[in-house]
């Protein structure tokens, strides 16, 4: 009887996922959700996505998982007939580095495997500067994806930044903490919120 029941298709128990596998899956699900929102949210079917990366020391494994999921996110966008580019902003308190929009996913996969992390981060400054510096294509959907495991810090204040982002039609998706300011940033700009791995808020 045991042999018969096994033959009927009972699956062997799955080994539990390692922390790295769980992180990879959680980040992948967030990026897939953002891809679906981006593909469904623009009549032009064209979107420029800018990842804003918190380089504090606790973020290293999350950023590596982001890099491992980039190709899958681009493939999902393309499967939905969405003309997408990716850009990256790395930020810490005294650092703001912008990598321009591209369809070359492999270049950014390599970048995300070799980031130097550590130090404090100011996400509000980074978003404000990115709104000024990113060269979006004409007439496309503009999306920032903020990836952070820290509360929002810096200037301008969130209310002021929200006014600017909304006026410039920049949607912000947040892979972050389960705290009001992260959820407000996503909701008020029309973006999506996803919990970052390791969040204990």
C-alpha atoms as a PDB file:
ATOM      1  CA  UNK A   1       0.000   0.000   0.000  1.00  0.00           C
ATOM      2  CA  UNK A   2       2.823   2.366   0.799  1.00  0.00           C
ATOM      3  CA  UNK A   3       4.314   1.752  -2.632  1.00  0.00           C
ATOM      4  CA  UNK A   4       0.954   2.371  -4.304  1.00  0.00           C
ATOM      5  CA  UNK A   5       0.408   5.640  -2.486  1.00  0.00           C
ATOM      6  CA  UNK A   6       3.866   6.865  -3.444  1.00  0.00           C
ATOM      7  CA  UNK A   7       3.146   5.975  -7.036  1.00  0.00           C
ATOM      8  CA  UNK A   8      -0.032   8.040  -6.832  1.00  0.00           C
ATOM      9  CA  UNK A   9       2.095  11.164  -6.724  1.00  0.00           C
ATOM     10  CA  UNK A  10       2.763  12.025  -3.110  1.00  0.00           C
ATOM     11  CA  UNK A  11       5.648  14.496  -3.144  1.00  0.00           C
ATOM     12  CA  UNK A  12       8.714  14.128  -0.977  1.00  0.00           C
ATOM     13  CA  UNK A  13       8.800  16.766   1.775  1.00  0.00           C
ATOM     14  CA  UNK A  14      10.513  19.959   0.607  1.00  0.00           C
ATOM     15  CA  UNK A  15      13.652  21.000   2.436  1.00  0.00           C
ATOM     16  CA  UNK A  16      13.111  24.362   4.147  1.00  0.00           C
ATOM     17  CA  UNK A  17      14.573  27.318   2.282  1.00  0.00           C
ATOM     18  CA  UNK A  18      17.855  28.750   3.531  1.00  0.00           C
ATOM     19  CA  UNK A  19      17.818  32.415   4.622  1.00  0.00           C
ATOM     20  CA  UNK A  20      19.495  33.382   1.333  1.00  0.00           C
ATOM     21  CA  UNK A  21      16.901  31.437  -0.682  1.00  0.00           C
ATOM     22  CA  UNK A  22      14.080  33.070   1.300  1.00  0.00           C
ATOM     23  CA  UNK A  23      15.600  36.513   0.668  1.00  0.00           C
ATOM     24  CA  UNK A  24      15.993  35.776  -3.061  1.00  0.00           C
ATOM     25  CA  UNK A  25      12.362  34.635  -3.284  1.00  0.00           C
ATOM     26  CA  UNK A  26      10.986  37.590  -1.282  1.00  0.00           C
ATOM     27  CA  UNK A  27      12.899  40.179  -3.343  1.00  0.00           C
ATOM     28  CA  UNK A  28      11.877  38.351  -6.530  1.00  0.00           C
ATOM     29  CA  UNK A  29       8.203  38.480  -5.571  1.00  0.00           C
ATOM     30  CA  UNK A  30       8.476  42.211  -4.839  1.00  0.00           C
ATOM     31  CA  UNK A  31      10.139  42.891  -8.201  1.00  0.00           C
ATOM     32  CA  UNK A  32       7.537  40.806 -10.006  1.00  0.00           C
ATOM     33  CA  UNK A  33       4.789  42.827  -8.314  1.00  0.00           C
ATOM     34  CA  UNK A  34       6.449  46.079  -9.388  1.00  0.00           C
ATOM     35  CA  UNK A  35       6.810  44.758 -12.962  1.00  0.00           C
ATOM     36  CA  UNK A  36       3.097  43.906 -13.076  1.00  0.00           C
ATOM     37  CA  UNK A  37       2.168  47.354 -11.755  1.00  0.00           C
ATOM     38  CA  UNK A  38       4.482  49.063 -14.255  1.00  0.00           C
ATOM     39  CA  UNK A  39       3.196  47.036 -17.196  1.00  0.00           C
ATOM     40  CA  UNK A  40      -0.412  47.750 -16.316  1.00  0.00           C
ATOM     41  CA  UNK A  41      -0.040  51.378 -15.348  1.00  0.00           C
ATOM     42  CA  UNK A  42       0.824  53.189 -18.557  1.00  0.00           C
ATOM     43  CA  UNK A  43      -0.971  53.549 -21.859  1.00  0.00           C
ATOM     44  CA  UNK A  44       2.391  54.160 -23.534  1.00  0.00           C
ATOM     45  CA  UNK A  45       3.680  50.733 -22.442  1.00  0.00           C
ATOM     46  CA  UNK A  46       7.066  52.345 -21.868  1.00  0.00           C
ATOM     47  CA  UNK A  47       8.632  52.771 -18.440  1.00  0.00           C
ATOM     48  CA  UNK A  48      11.923  54.031 -17.026  1.00  0.00           C
ATOM     49  CA  UNK A  49      12.643  52.331 -13.683  1.00  0.00           C
ATOM     50  CA  UNK A  50      15.311  53.743 -11.363  1.00  0.00           C
ATOM     51  CA  UNK A  51      16.472  51.618  -8.407  1.00  0.00           C
ATOM     52  CA  UNK A  52      17.558  53.741  -5.427  1.00  0.00           C
ATOM     53  CA  UNK A  53      19.887  51.589  -3.343  1.00  0.00           C
ATOM     54  CA  UNK A  54      20.534  52.165   0.360  1.00  0.00           C
ATOM     55  CA  UNK A  55      24.222  51.237   0.828  1.00  0.00           C
ATOM     56  CA  UNK A  56      24.122  50.814   4.620  1.00  0.00           C
ATOM     57  CA  UNK A  57      25.984  47.739   5.830  1.00  0.00           C
ATOM     58  CA  UNK A  58      22.877  45.675   6.602  1.00  0.00           C
ATOM     59  CA  UNK A  59      21.757  45.873   2.947  1.00  0.00           C
ATOM     60  CA  UNK A  60      24.513  43.853   1.256  1.00  0.00           C
ATOM     61  CA  UNK A  61      22.618  40.553   0.910  1.00  0.00           C
ATOM     62  CA  UNK A  62      19.372  42.271  -0.095  1.00  0.00           C
ATOM     63  CA  UNK A  63      21.143  44.175  -2.878  1.00  0.00           C
ATOM     64  CA  UNK A  64      22.796  40.988  -4.089  1.00  0.00           C
ATOM     65  CA  UNK A  65      19.353  39.328  -4.246  1.00  0.00           C
ATOM     66  CA  UNK A  66      18.073  42.335  -6.197  1.00  0.00           C
ATOM     67  CA  UNK A  67      20.807  41.817  -8.765  1.00  0.00           C
ATOM     68  CA  UNK A  68      19.968  38.136  -9.085  1.00  0.00           C
ATOM     69  CA  UNK A  69      16.349  39.034  -9.911  1.00  0.00           C
ATOM     70  CA  UNK A  70      16.967  41.849 -12.416  1.00  0.00           C
ATOM     71  CA  UNK A  71      16.921  39.650 -15.523  1.00  0.00           C
ATOM     72  CA  UNK A  72      13.686  38.014 -14.386  1.00  0.00           C
ATOM     73  CA  UNK A  73      12.057  41.408 -13.858  1.00  0.00           C
ATOM     74  CA  UNK A  74      13.123  42.632 -17.299  1.00  0.00           C
ATOM     75  CA  UNK A  75      11.873  39.389 -18.885  1.00  0.00           C
ATOM     76  CA  UNK A  76       8.510  39.823 -17.160  1.00  0.00           C
ATOM     77  CA  UNK A  77       8.213  43.407 -18.423  1.00  0.00           C
ATOM     78  CA  UNK A  78       9.104  42.337 -21.967  1.00  0.00           C
ATOM     79  CA  UNK A  79       6.625  39.451 -21.843  1.00  0.00           C
ATOM     80  CA  UNK A  80       3.951  42.097 -21.174  1.00  0.00           C
ATOM     81  CA  UNK A  81       5.091  44.141 -24.212  1.00  0.00           C
ATOM     82  CA  UNK A  82       6.547  46.839 -21.992  1.00  0.00           C
ATOM     83  CA  UNK A  83       9.485  48.890 -23.302  1.00  0.00           C
ATOM     84  CA  UNK A  84      11.553  49.213 -20.110  1.00  0.00           C
ATOM     85  CA  UNK A  85      14.903  50.652 -19.098  1.00  0.00           C
ATOM     86  CA  UNK A  86      16.654  50.319 -15.736  1.00  0.00           C
ATOM     87  CA  UNK A  87      18.794  52.915 -13.967  1.00  0.00           C
ATOM     88  CA  UNK A  88      20.525  52.774 -10.593  1.00  0.00           C
ATOM     89  CA  UNK A  89      21.261  55.333  -7.889  1.00  0.00           C
ATOM     90  CA  UNK A  90      23.623  54.378  -5.062  1.00  0.00           C
ATOM     91  CA  UNK A  91      23.334  56.568  -1.986  1.00  0.00           C
ATOM     92  CA  UNK A  92      24.778  57.140   1.470  1.00  0.00           C
ATOM     93  CA  UNK A  93      24.917  60.346   3.530  1.00  0.00           C
ATOM     94  CA  UNK A  94      27.758  61.869   1.460  1.00  0.00           C
ATOM     95  CA  UNK A  95      27.444  59.728  -1.655  1.00  0.00           C
ATOM     96  CA  UNK A  96      25.124  59.942  -4.646  1.00  0.00           C
ATOM     97  CA  UNK A  97      26.121  58.002  -7.770  1.00  0.00           C
ATOM     98  CA  UNK A  98      23.786  57.777 -10.750  1.00  0.00           C
ATOM     99  CA  UNK A  99      24.087  55.019 -13.374  1.00  0.00           C
ATOM    100  CA  UNK A 100      21.991  55.950 -16.436  1.00  0.00           C
ATOM    101  CA  UNK A 101      19.015  54.189 -17.958  1.00  0.00           C
ATOM    102  CA  UNK A 102      19.873  51.101 -20.001  1.00  0.00           C
ATOM    103  CA  UNK A 103      18.473  47.808 -21.251  1.00  0.00           C
ATOM    104  CA  UNK A 104      21.850  46.148 -20.477  1.00  0.00           C
ATOM    105  CA  UNK A 105      20.706  44.106 -17.500  1.00  0.00           C
ATOM    106  CA  UNK A 106      23.984  42.163 -17.258  1.00  0.00           C
ATOM    107  CA  UNK A 107      25.983  45.314 -16.509  1.00  0.00           C
ATOM    108  CA  UNK A 108      23.786  46.086 -13.513  1.00  0.00           C
ATOM    109  CA  UNK A 109      23.746  42.449 -12.381  1.00  0.00           C
ATOM    110  CA  UNK A 110      27.541  42.688 -12.109  1.00  0.00           C
ATOM    111  CA  UNK A 111      27.333  46.039 -10.339  1.00  0.00           C
ATOM    112  CA  UNK A 112      24.947  44.665  -7.715  1.00  0.00           C
ATOM    113  CA  UNK A 113      27.198  41.706  -6.938  1.00  0.00           C
ATOM    114  CA  UNK A 114      30.103  44.015  -6.065  1.00  0.00           C
ATOM    115  CA  UNK A 115      28.785  46.940  -4.062  1.00  0.00           C
ATOM    116  CA  UNK A 116      30.763  48.481  -1.230  1.00  0.00           C
ATOM    117  CA  UNK A 117      28.338  48.988   1.643  1.00  0.00           C
ATOM    118  CA  UNK A 118      28.579  50.660   5.050  1.00  0.00           C
ATOM    119  CA  UNK A 119      27.719  53.993   6.636  1.00  0.00           C
ATOM    120  CA  UNK A 120      24.599  56.070   7.066  1.00  0.00           C
ATOM    121  CA  UNK A 121      22.027  56.784   4.351  1.00  0.00           C
ATOM    122  CA  UNK A 122      19.714  59.667   3.520  1.00  0.00           C
ATOM    123  CA  UNK A 123      16.913  58.449   1.289  1.00  0.00           C
ATOM    124  CA  UNK A 124      15.020  61.750   1.106  1.00  0.00           C
ATOM    125  CA  UNK A 125      18.068  63.582  -0.290  1.00  0.00           C
ATOM    126  CA  UNK A 126      18.674  60.759  -2.747  1.00  0.00           C
ATOM    127  CA  UNK A 127      15.128  60.820  -4.139  1.00  0.00           C
ATOM    128  CA  UNK A 128      15.182  64.617  -4.430  1.00  0.00           C
ATOM    129  CA  UNK A 129      18.497  64.582  -6.304  1.00  0.00           C
ATOM    130  CA  UNK A 130      17.407  61.685  -8.494  1.00  0.00           C
ATOM    131  CA  UNK A 131      14.265  63.611  -9.506  1.00  0.00           C
ATOM    132  CA  UNK A 132      16.601  66.339 -10.772  1.00  0.00           C
ATOM    133  CA  UNK A 133      19.369  64.246 -12.305  1.00  0.00           C
ATOM    134  CA  UNK A 134      17.713  61.213 -13.915  1.00  0.00           C
ATOM    135  CA  UNK A 135      17.249  61.691 -17.651  1.00  0.00           C
ATOM    136  CA  UNK A 136      13.901  60.031 -18.329  1.00  0.00           C
ATOM    137  CA  UNK A 137      12.873  59.368 -21.904  1.00  0.00           C
ATOM    138  CA  UNK A 138      10.077  61.636 -23.176  1.00  0.00           C
ATOM    139  CA  UNK A 139       6.487  60.562 -22.500  1.00  0.00           C
ATOM    140  CA  UNK A 140       7.263  57.400 -20.513  1.00  0.00           C
ATOM    141  CA  UNK A 141       6.050  56.207 -17.128  1.00  0.00           C
ATOM    142  CA  UNK A 142       8.599  57.254 -14.480  1.00  0.00           C
ATOM    143  CA  UNK A 143       9.183  54.914 -11.551  1.00  0.00           C
ATOM    144  CA  UNK A 144      11.615  55.001  -8.634  1.00  0.00           C
ATOM    145  CA  UNK A 145      12.124  51.765  -6.680  1.00  0.00           C
ATOM    146  CA  UNK A 146      13.466  52.631  -3.215  1.00  0.00           C
ATOM    147  CA  UNK A 147      15.190  49.680  -1.505  1.00  0.00           C
ATOM    148  CA  UNK A 148      16.021  50.379   2.137  1.00  0.00           C
ATOM    149  CA  UNK A 149      15.849  48.870   5.613  1.00  0.00           C
ATOM    150  CA  UNK A 150      16.013  52.244   7.389  1.00  0.00           C
ATOM    151  CA  UNK A 151      13.449  54.978   8.141  1.00  0.00           C
ATOM    152  CA  UNK A 152      13.483  57.972   5.792  1.00  0.00           C
ATOM    153  CA  UNK A 153      16.138  60.533   6.699  1.00  0.00           C
ATOM    154  CA  UNK A 154      17.492  63.764   5.245  1.00  0.00           C
ATOM    155  CA  UNK A 155      15.951  66.697   3.391  1.00  0.00           C
ATOM    156  CA  UNK A 156      13.554  67.828   2.057  1.00  0.00           C
ATOM    157  CA  UNK A 157      10.829  66.691   4.489  1.00  0.00           C
ATOM    158  CA  UNK A 158       8.645  63.865   3.198  1.00  0.00           C
ATOM    159  CA  UNK A 159       5.579  66.089   2.645  1.00  0.00           C
ATOM    160  CA  UNK A 160       7.600  68.483   0.485  1.00  0.00           C
ATOM    161  CA  UNK A 161       9.223  65.645  -1.469  1.00  0.00           C
ATOM    162  CA  UNK A 162       5.828  64.024  -2.083  1.00  0.00           C
ATOM    163  CA  UNK A 163       4.537  67.257  -3.621  1.00  0.00           C
ATOM    164  CA  UNK A 164       7.491  67.317  -5.990  1.00  0.00           C
ATOM    165  CA  UNK A 165       7.298  63.632  -6.956  1.00  0.00           C
ATOM    166  CA  UNK A 166       3.572  63.860  -7.638  1.00  0.00           C
ATOM    167  CA  UNK A 167       3.954  67.065  -9.697  1.00  0.00           C
ATOM    168  CA  UNK A 168       6.663  65.396 -11.795  1.00  0.00           C
ATOM    169  CA  UNK A 169       4.627  62.190 -12.255  1.00  0.00           C
ATOM    170  CA  UNK A 170       7.225  60.000 -10.529  1.00  0.00           C
ATOM    171  CA  UNK A 171       5.749  56.834  -9.011  1.00  0.00           C
ATOM    172  CA  UNK A 172       7.696  55.367  -6.071  1.00  0.00           C
ATOM    173  CA  UNK A 173       7.626  51.652  -5.320  1.00  0.00           C
ATOM    174  CA  UNK A 174       9.114  50.823  -1.912  1.00  0.00           C
ATOM    175  CA  UNK A 175      10.837  47.610  -0.869  1.00  0.00           C
ATOM    176  CA  UNK A 176      11.182  48.657   2.734  1.00  0.00           C
ATOM    177  CA  UNK A 177       9.951  48.588   6.301  1.00  0.00           C
ATOM    178  CA  UNK A 178       6.396  48.141   7.510  1.00  0.00           C
ATOM    179  CA  UNK A 179       6.246  51.704   8.815  1.00  0.00           C
ATOM    180  CA  UNK A 180       3.807  54.525   7.949  1.00  0.00           C
ATOM    181  CA  UNK A 181       6.270  56.757   6.051  1.00  0.00           C
ATOM    182  CA  UNK A 182       7.343  53.959   3.704  1.00  0.00           C
ATOM    183  CA  UNK A 183       3.728  53.013   2.992  1.00  0.00           C
ATOM    184  CA  UNK A 184       2.683  56.675   2.561  1.00  0.00           C
ATOM    185  CA  UNK A 185       5.519  57.294   0.073  1.00  0.00           C
ATOM    186  CA  UNK A 186       4.316  54.407  -2.087  1.00  0.00           C
ATOM    187  CA  UNK A 187       0.582  55.037  -1.724  1.00  0.00           C
ATOM    188  CA  UNK A 188       0.629  58.803  -2.322  1.00  0.00           C
ATOM    189  CA  UNK A 189       2.716  58.495  -5.500  1.00  0.00           C
ATOM    190  CA  UNK A 190       0.675  55.572  -6.858  1.00  0.00           C
ATOM    191  CA  UNK A 191       3.348  52.959  -6.215  1.00  0.00           C
ATOM    192  CA  UNK A 192       3.434  49.590  -4.474  1.00  0.00           C
ATOM    193  CA  UNK A 193       4.897  48.670  -1.077  1.00  0.00           C
ATOM    194  CA  UNK A 194       6.739  45.412  -0.333  1.00  0.00           C
ATOM    195  CA  UNK A 195       8.356  44.258   2.908  1.00  0.00           C
ATOM    196  CA  UNK A 196      12.139  44.020   2.773  1.00  0.00           C
ATOM    197  CA  UNK A 197      13.724  40.762   4.013  1.00  0.00           C
ATOM    198  CA  UNK A 198      14.810  41.044   7.647  1.00  0.00           C
ATOM    199  CA  UNK A 199      12.240  43.723   8.533  1.00  0.00           C
ATOM    200  CA  UNK A 200      11.333  43.572  12.233  1.00  0.00           C
ATOM    201  CA  UNK A 201       9.395  46.836  12.400  1.00  0.00           C
END
